[in-house]
C-alpha atoms as a PDB file:
ATOM      1  CA  MET A   1      -2.758  24.214  85.808  1.00  0.00           C
ATOM      2  CA  ALA A   2      -1.181  23.270  82.219  1.00  0.00           C
ATOM      3  CA  LEU A   3       0.696  20.030  81.587  1.00  0.00           C
ATOM      4  CA  ALA A   4       2.560  19.525  78.413  1.00  0.00           C
ATOM      5  CA  VAL A   5       2.142  15.577  77.083  1.00  0.00           C
ATOM      6  CA  ALA A   6       4.157  15.159  74.187  1.00  0.00           C
ATOM      7  CA  GLY A   7       4.674  18.501  73.096  1.00  0.00           C
ATOM      8  CA  VAL A   8       0.731  19.116  73.211  1.00  0.00           C
ATOM      9  CA  LEU A   9      -0.556  21.656  75.943  1.00  0.00           C
ATOM     10  CA  THR A  10      -3.324  20.148  78.038  1.00  0.00           C
ATOM     11  CA  SER A  11      -5.259  21.670  80.829  1.00  0.00           C
ATOM     12  CA  ALA A  12      -8.306  20.572  83.265  1.00  0.00           C
ATOM     13  CA  ALA A  13     -10.490  22.995  80.821  1.00  0.00           C
ATOM     14  CA  ALA A  14      -9.539  20.639  77.667  1.00  0.00           C
ATOM     15  CA  GLN A  15     -11.093  17.866  79.085  1.00  0.00           C
ATOM     16  CA  GLU A  16     -14.838  19.944  79.193  1.00  0.00           C
ATOM     17  CA  LEU A  17     -17.893  19.749  77.086  1.00  0.00           C
ATOM     18  CA  ALA A  18     -19.907  22.650  76.375  1.00  0.00           C
ATOM     19  CA  PRO A  19     -23.584  22.154  77.700  1.00  0.00           C
ATOM     20  CA  PRO A  20     -25.537  20.059  75.172  1.00  0.00           C
ATOM     21  CA  ARG A  21     -27.790  21.754  72.755  1.00  0.00           C
ATOM     22  CA  CYS A  22     -30.534  19.424  73.368  1.00  0.00           C
ATOM     23  CA  ASP A  23     -33.196  20.808  71.463  1.00  0.00           C
ATOM     24  CA  ASP A  24     -33.088  18.845  68.310  1.00  0.00           C
ATOM     25  CA  GLY A  25     -36.584  19.815  66.854  1.00  0.00           C
ATOM     26  CA  ALA A  26     -38.506  17.265  64.855  1.00  0.00           C
ATOM     27  CA  VAL A  27     -38.696  15.913  61.262  1.00  0.00           C
ATOM     28  CA  HIS A  28     -41.848  17.482  59.423  1.00  0.00           C
ATOM     29  CA  GLU A  29     -44.675  15.347  57.868  1.00  0.00           C
ATOM     30  CA  ASN A  30     -43.463  15.896  54.084  1.00  0.00           C
ATOM     31  CA  ALA A  31     -39.837  15.681  54.447  1.00  0.00           C
ATOM     32  CA  PRO A  32     -38.885  12.910  52.200  1.00  0.00           C
ATOM     33  CA  PRO A  33     -38.290   9.415  53.779  1.00  0.00           C
ATOM     34  CA  GLU A  34     -34.204  10.299  52.879  1.00  0.00           C
ATOM     35  CA  ILE A  35     -34.121  12.431  55.695  1.00  0.00           C
ATOM     36  CA  ALA A  36     -33.349   9.593  57.694  1.00  0.00           C
ATOM     37  CA  GLN A  37     -29.999   8.859  55.947  1.00  0.00           C
ATOM     38  CA  PHE A  38     -28.933  11.977  57.967  1.00  0.00           C
ATOM     39  CA  SER A  39     -30.532  11.468  61.006  1.00  0.00           C
ATOM     40  CA  PHE A  40     -27.711   9.876  63.025  1.00  0.00           C
ATOM     41  CA  LEU A  41     -26.331  13.759  63.330  1.00  0.00           C
ATOM     42  CA  ILE A  42     -28.727  14.977  64.725  1.00  0.00           C
ATOM     43  CA  GLY A  43     -27.705  15.269  68.887  1.00  0.00           C
ATOM     44  CA  ASP A  44     -24.494  16.635  70.596  1.00  0.00           C
ATOM     45  CA  TYR A  45     -21.659  14.814  69.567  1.00  0.00           C
ATOM     46  CA  LYS A  46     -17.867  14.793  71.490  1.00  0.00           C
ATOM     47  CA  VAL A  47     -15.469  14.024  67.916  1.00  0.00           C
ATOM     48  CA  THR A  48     -12.110  12.770  68.012  1.00  0.00           C
ATOM     49  CA  LEU A  49      -9.709  13.621  64.975  1.00  0.00           C
ATOM     50  CA  HIS A  50      -7.430  11.061  63.741  1.00  0.00           C
ATOM     51  CA  ARG A  51      -4.744  11.026  60.712  1.00  0.00           C
ATOM     52  CA  TRP A  52      -4.234   7.757  58.509  1.00  0.00           C
ATOM     53  CA  LEU A  53      -0.806   6.655  59.199  1.00  0.00           C
ATOM     54  CA  GLY A  54      -0.633   4.035  56.530  1.00  0.00           C
ATOM     55  CA  GLU A  55      -1.903   0.637  58.250  1.00  0.00           C
ATOM     56  CA  ASP A  56      -3.882   2.494  61.113  1.00  0.00           C
ATOM     57  CA  TRP A  57      -5.393   5.658  62.438  1.00  0.00           C
ATOM     58  CA  SER A  58      -3.271   7.920  64.799  1.00  0.00           C
ATOM     59  CA  PRO A  59      -4.373   8.400  68.458  1.00  0.00           C
ATOM     60  CA  SER A  60      -6.597  11.304  68.782  1.00  0.00           C
ATOM     61  CA  GLN A  61      -4.636  14.509  70.503  1.00  0.00           C
ATOM     62  CA  PRO A  62      -4.887  14.688  74.173  1.00  0.00           C
ATOM     63  CA  GLY A  63      -6.979  16.686  75.886  1.00  0.00           C
ATOM     64  CA  VAL A  64      -8.689  18.062  72.611  1.00  0.00           C
ATOM     65  CA  THR A  65     -12.282  17.660  71.755  1.00  0.00           C
ATOM     66  CA  ALA A  66     -13.864  18.688  68.787  1.00  0.00           C
ATOM     67  CA  ARG A  67     -18.178  18.854  68.509  1.00  0.00           C
ATOM     68  CA  TRP A  68     -20.346  18.690  66.456  1.00  0.00           C
ATOM     69  CA  ASN A  69     -24.206  19.682  66.990  1.00  0.00           C
ATOM     70  CA  GLY A  70     -27.189  18.198  64.460  1.00  0.00           C
ATOM     71  CA  TRP A  71     -30.868  19.304  64.805  1.00  0.00           C
ATOM     72  CA  TYR A  72     -33.829  19.341  62.405  1.00  0.00           C
ATOM     73  CA  GLY A  73     -34.066  22.740  61.045  1.00  0.00           C
ATOM     74  CA  LEU A  74     -36.298  24.642  58.344  1.00  0.00           C
ATOM     75  CA  GLY A  75     -38.970  23.677  60.477  1.00  0.00           C
ATOM     76  CA  GLY A  76     -38.070  19.873  60.124  1.00  0.00           C
ATOM     77  CA  MET A  77     -37.663  19.952  56.206  1.00  0.00           C
ATOM     78  CA  ALA A  78     -33.681  19.513  56.365  1.00  0.00           C
ATOM     79  CA  ILE A  79     -30.658  18.771  59.183  1.00  0.00           C
ATOM     80  CA  VAL A  80     -28.680  21.291  60.241  1.00  0.00           C
ATOM     81  CA  ASP A  81     -25.309  20.527  62.134  1.00  0.00           C
ATOM     82  CA  GLU A  82     -22.504  22.874  63.826  1.00  0.00           C
ATOM     83  CA  TRP A  83     -19.261  22.078  64.206  1.00  0.00           C
ATOM     84  CA  PHE A  84     -16.466  23.789  66.748  1.00  0.00           C
ATOM     85  CA  ASN A  85     -12.764  22.648  66.758  1.00  0.00           C
ATOM     86  CA  PRO A  86     -11.826  22.498  69.455  1.00  0.00           C
ATOM     87  CA  ASP A  87     -15.173  22.517  71.763  1.00  0.00           C
ATOM     88  CA  PRO A  88     -16.434  25.560  72.894  1.00  0.00           C
ATOM     89  CA  ALA A  89     -15.832  24.822  76.270  1.00  0.00           C
ATOM     90  CA  GLN A  90     -12.282  24.322  75.534  1.00  0.00           C
ATOM     91  CA  ASN A  91     -11.954  27.461  73.551  1.00  0.00           C
ATOM     92  CA  PRO A  92     -15.092  30.003  73.363  1.00  0.00           C
ATOM     93  CA  ASP A  93     -13.416  31.326  70.093  1.00  0.00           C
ATOM     94  CA  ALA A  94     -12.663  28.354  68.912  1.00  0.00           C
ATOM     95  CA  PRO A  95     -13.212  27.992  64.854  1.00  0.00           C
ATOM     96  CA  ARG A  96     -16.971  26.972  63.825  1.00  0.00           C
ATOM     97  CA  GLY A  97     -18.707  26.248  60.967  1.00  0.00           C
ATOM     98  CA  ILE A  98     -22.589  25.304  60.159  1.00  0.00           C
ATOM     99  CA  ASN A  99     -24.181  23.125  57.419  1.00  0.00           C
ATOM    100  CA  VAL A 100     -27.626  22.585  55.897  1.00  0.00           C
ATOM    101  CA  ARG A 101     -28.798  19.594  54.354  1.00  0.00           C
ATOM    102  CA  MET A 102     -31.391  19.102  52.754  1.00  0.00           C
ATOM    103  CA  TYR A 103     -32.171  16.192  49.920  1.00  0.00           C
ATOM    104  CA  ASP A 104     -33.647  17.001  46.398  1.00  0.00           C
ATOM    105  CA  PRO A 105     -35.538  13.853  44.897  1.00  0.00           C
ATOM    106  CA  GLU A 106     -35.330  14.884  41.738  1.00  0.00           C
ATOM    107  CA  THR A 107     -31.345  14.739  41.798  1.00  0.00           C
ATOM    108  CA  GLU A 108     -31.658  11.927  44.218  1.00  0.00           C
ATOM    109  CA  GLU A 109     -29.038  13.828  45.913  1.00  0.00           C
ATOM    110  CA  TRP A 110     -28.467  15.658  48.943  1.00  0.00           C
ATOM    111  CA  ASP A 111     -27.420  19.335  48.298  1.00  0.00           C
ATOM    112  CA  MET A 112     -25.541  21.003  51.517  1.00  0.00           C
ATOM    113  CA  MET A 113     -24.172  24.159  51.777  1.00  0.00           C
ATOM    114  CA  TRP A 114     -21.340  24.813  54.566  1.00  0.00           C
ATOM    115  CA  ILE A 115     -19.651  28.147  55.660  1.00  0.00           C
ATOM    116  CA  ALA A 116     -17.275  28.834  58.616  1.00  0.00           C
ATOM    117  CA  THR A 117     -15.565  31.694  60.330  1.00  0.00           C
ATOM    118  CA  ASN A 118     -12.372  30.887  59.182  1.00  0.00           C
ATOM    119  CA  GLY A 119     -13.322  30.931  55.891  1.00  0.00           C
ATOM    120  CA  ASN A 120     -14.981  33.790  53.738  1.00  0.00           C
ATOM    121  CA  GLN A 121     -16.806  31.258  51.589  1.00  0.00           C
ATOM    122  CA  VAL A 122     -19.799  28.802  51.201  1.00  0.00           C
ATOM    123  CA  GLN A 123     -18.644  25.346  49.915  1.00  0.00           C
ATOM    124  CA  ASP A 124     -21.559  23.315  48.033  1.00  0.00           C
ATOM    125  CA  LEU A 125     -21.394  19.741  48.671  1.00  0.00           C
ATOM    126  CA  ARG A 126     -23.307  16.716  47.948  1.00  0.00           C
ATOM    127  CA  ALA A 127     -24.153  13.542  49.421  1.00  0.00           C
ATOM    128  CA  LYS A 128     -26.033  10.196  48.133  1.00  0.00           C
ATOM    129  CA  MET A 129     -25.884   6.776  48.947  1.00  0.00           C
ATOM    130  CA  ILE A 130     -23.332   4.935  46.559  1.00  0.00           C
ATOM    131  CA  ASP A 131     -23.036   0.737  47.379  1.00  0.00           C
ATOM    132  CA  GLY A 132     -24.654   1.467  50.556  1.00  0.00           C
ATOM    133  CA  VAL A 133     -22.394   4.140  52.339  1.00  0.00           C
ATOM    134  CA  LEU A 134     -23.512   7.310  52.061  1.00  0.00           C
ATOM    135  CA  THR A 135     -20.975   9.067  50.154  1.00  0.00           C
ATOM    136  CA  MET A 136     -19.915  13.039  50.301  1.00  0.00           C
ATOM    137  CA  TRP A 137     -17.899  15.028  47.471  1.00  0.00           C
ATOM    138  CA  GLN A 138     -17.244  18.864  46.907  1.00  0.00           C
ATOM    139  CA  VAL A 139     -18.960  20.506  44.017  1.00  0.00           C
ATOM    140  CA  TYR A 140     -17.781  24.148  44.698  1.00  0.00           C
ATOM    141  CA  PRO A 141     -15.108  25.169  44.954  1.00  0.00           C
ATOM    142  CA  GLU A 142     -13.913  22.544  42.820  1.00  0.00           C
ATOM    143  CA  ARG A 143     -12.451  19.802  44.967  1.00  0.00           C
ATOM    144  CA  PRO A 144     -12.308  16.737  42.835  1.00  0.00           C
ATOM    145  CA  ASN A 145      -9.673  14.683  45.043  1.00  0.00           C
ATOM    146  CA  PHE A 146     -11.816  14.789  47.745  1.00  0.00           C
ATOM    147  CA  ARG A 147     -14.156  12.236  48.988  1.00  0.00           C
ATOM    148  CA  ALA A 148     -15.894  11.462  52.188  1.00  0.00           C
ATOM    149  CA  GLU A 149     -17.973   8.734  53.693  1.00  0.00           C
ATOM    150  CA  PHE A 150     -19.862   8.247  56.836  1.00  0.00           C
ATOM    151  CA  HIS A 151     -20.310   5.141  58.797  1.00  0.00           C
ATOM    152  CA  ILE A 152     -22.810   4.554  61.694  1.00  0.00           C
ATOM    153  CA  ASP A 153     -21.654   2.026  64.070  1.00  0.00           C
ATOM    154  CA  ASP A 154     -24.409   2.391  66.615  1.00  0.00           C
ATOM    155  CA  GLU A 155     -26.978   4.843  68.025  1.00  0.00           C
ATOM    156  CA  ASP A 156     -24.173   6.428  69.529  1.00  0.00           C
ATOM    157  CA  HIS A 157     -21.173   6.688  67.612  1.00  0.00           C
ATOM    158  CA  TRP A 158     -20.645   7.407  64.000  1.00  0.00           C
ATOM    159  CA  SER A 159     -17.519   8.313  62.092  1.00  0.00           C
ATOM    160  CA  ARG A 160     -16.922  10.487  58.741  1.00  0.00           C
ATOM    161  CA  ILE A 161     -13.515   9.366  56.495  1.00  0.00           C
ATOM    162  CA  ALA A 162     -12.124  11.429  53.918  1.00  0.00           C
ATOM    163  CA  TYR A 163     -10.234  10.386  51.291  1.00  0.00           C
ATOM    164  CA  GLY A 164      -7.633  12.117  49.262  1.00  0.00           C
ATOM    165  CA  LYS A 165      -5.136  11.083  46.003  1.00  0.00           C
ATOM    166  CA  ASP A 166      -1.597   9.783  46.713  1.00  0.00           C
ATOM    167  CA  GLU A 167       1.327  11.026  44.106  1.00  0.00           C
ATOM    168  CA  ASN A 168       0.327   8.451  42.243  1.00  0.00           C
ATOM    169  CA  GLY A 169      -3.700   9.525  41.947  1.00  0.00           C
ATOM    170  CA  GLU A 170      -4.524   6.460  44.110  1.00  0.00           C
ATOM    171  CA  GLU A 171      -7.388   6.972  46.039  1.00  0.00           C
ATOM    172  CA  ILE A 172      -6.177   6.703  50.395  1.00  0.00           C
ATOM    173  CA  LYS A 173      -7.871   6.967  53.907  1.00  0.00           C
ATOM    174  CA  THR A 174      -6.780  10.413  54.638  1.00  0.00           C
ATOM    175  CA  PHE A 175      -8.575  11.898  58.330  1.00  0.00           C
ATOM    176  CA  LYS A 176     -11.583  10.380  60.296  1.00  0.00           C
ATOM    177  CA  LEU A 177     -13.991  12.414  62.626  1.00  0.00           C
ATOM    178  CA  ALA A 178     -14.745   9.917  65.468  1.00  0.00           C
ATOM    179  CA  ALA A 179     -18.143  10.861  67.091  1.00  0.00           C
ATOM    180  CA  THR A 180     -19.503  10.247  70.253  1.00  0.00           C
ATOM    181  CA  ARG A 181     -22.881  10.824  71.343  1.00  0.00           C
ATOM    182  CA  ILE A 182     -23.486  13.409  74.186  1.00  0.00           C
ATOM    183  CA  GLY A 183     -26.613  12.653  76.406  1.00  0.00           C
ATOM    184  CA  CYS A 184     -28.603  15.250  77.475  1.00  0.00           C
ATOM    185  CA  ASN A 185     -28.475  14.559  80.579  1.00  0.00           C
ATOM    186  CA  ALA A 186     -24.429  15.306  80.692  1.00  0.00           C
ATOM    187  CA  ASP A 187     -22.907  17.556  83.176  1.00  0.00           C
END
């Protein structure tokens, strides 16, 4: 049964989550120690989406939940994470993407490649710790006004805050993904 709430269609199915992946892999013994910088992504996460309203974040969209699943890939030398919006239980044909993240000790940066079903282009991203914050930017295609920061609240909650530029060229918050861990024993 569907219900319209503030112009948004919701249903009982919109509250459902696909089963957790629960196969996280393991870090390779020769992986660089910096792999721990992105280890908070390992696991299954329910993600709410929020726009910056100038003084605070918008509430999440009722009934819609995105999904982020991360694991150690390439034999434990990289972190692989998938994104679904919305969760596959809410729409089995939802747009999705996958990231592969590897640390490059020579540049002291993360090299990341992102590809998604709603585009036919690979994005080249980078990240590194800047002033104690894991910070990401896009190299290709060039996106000079984009920057994102990852914030870890605790072992079960993290967020990614994106920044852009306003009409005066000032950097402003634009969008937040707030993640909450889904346990492997979740129904």
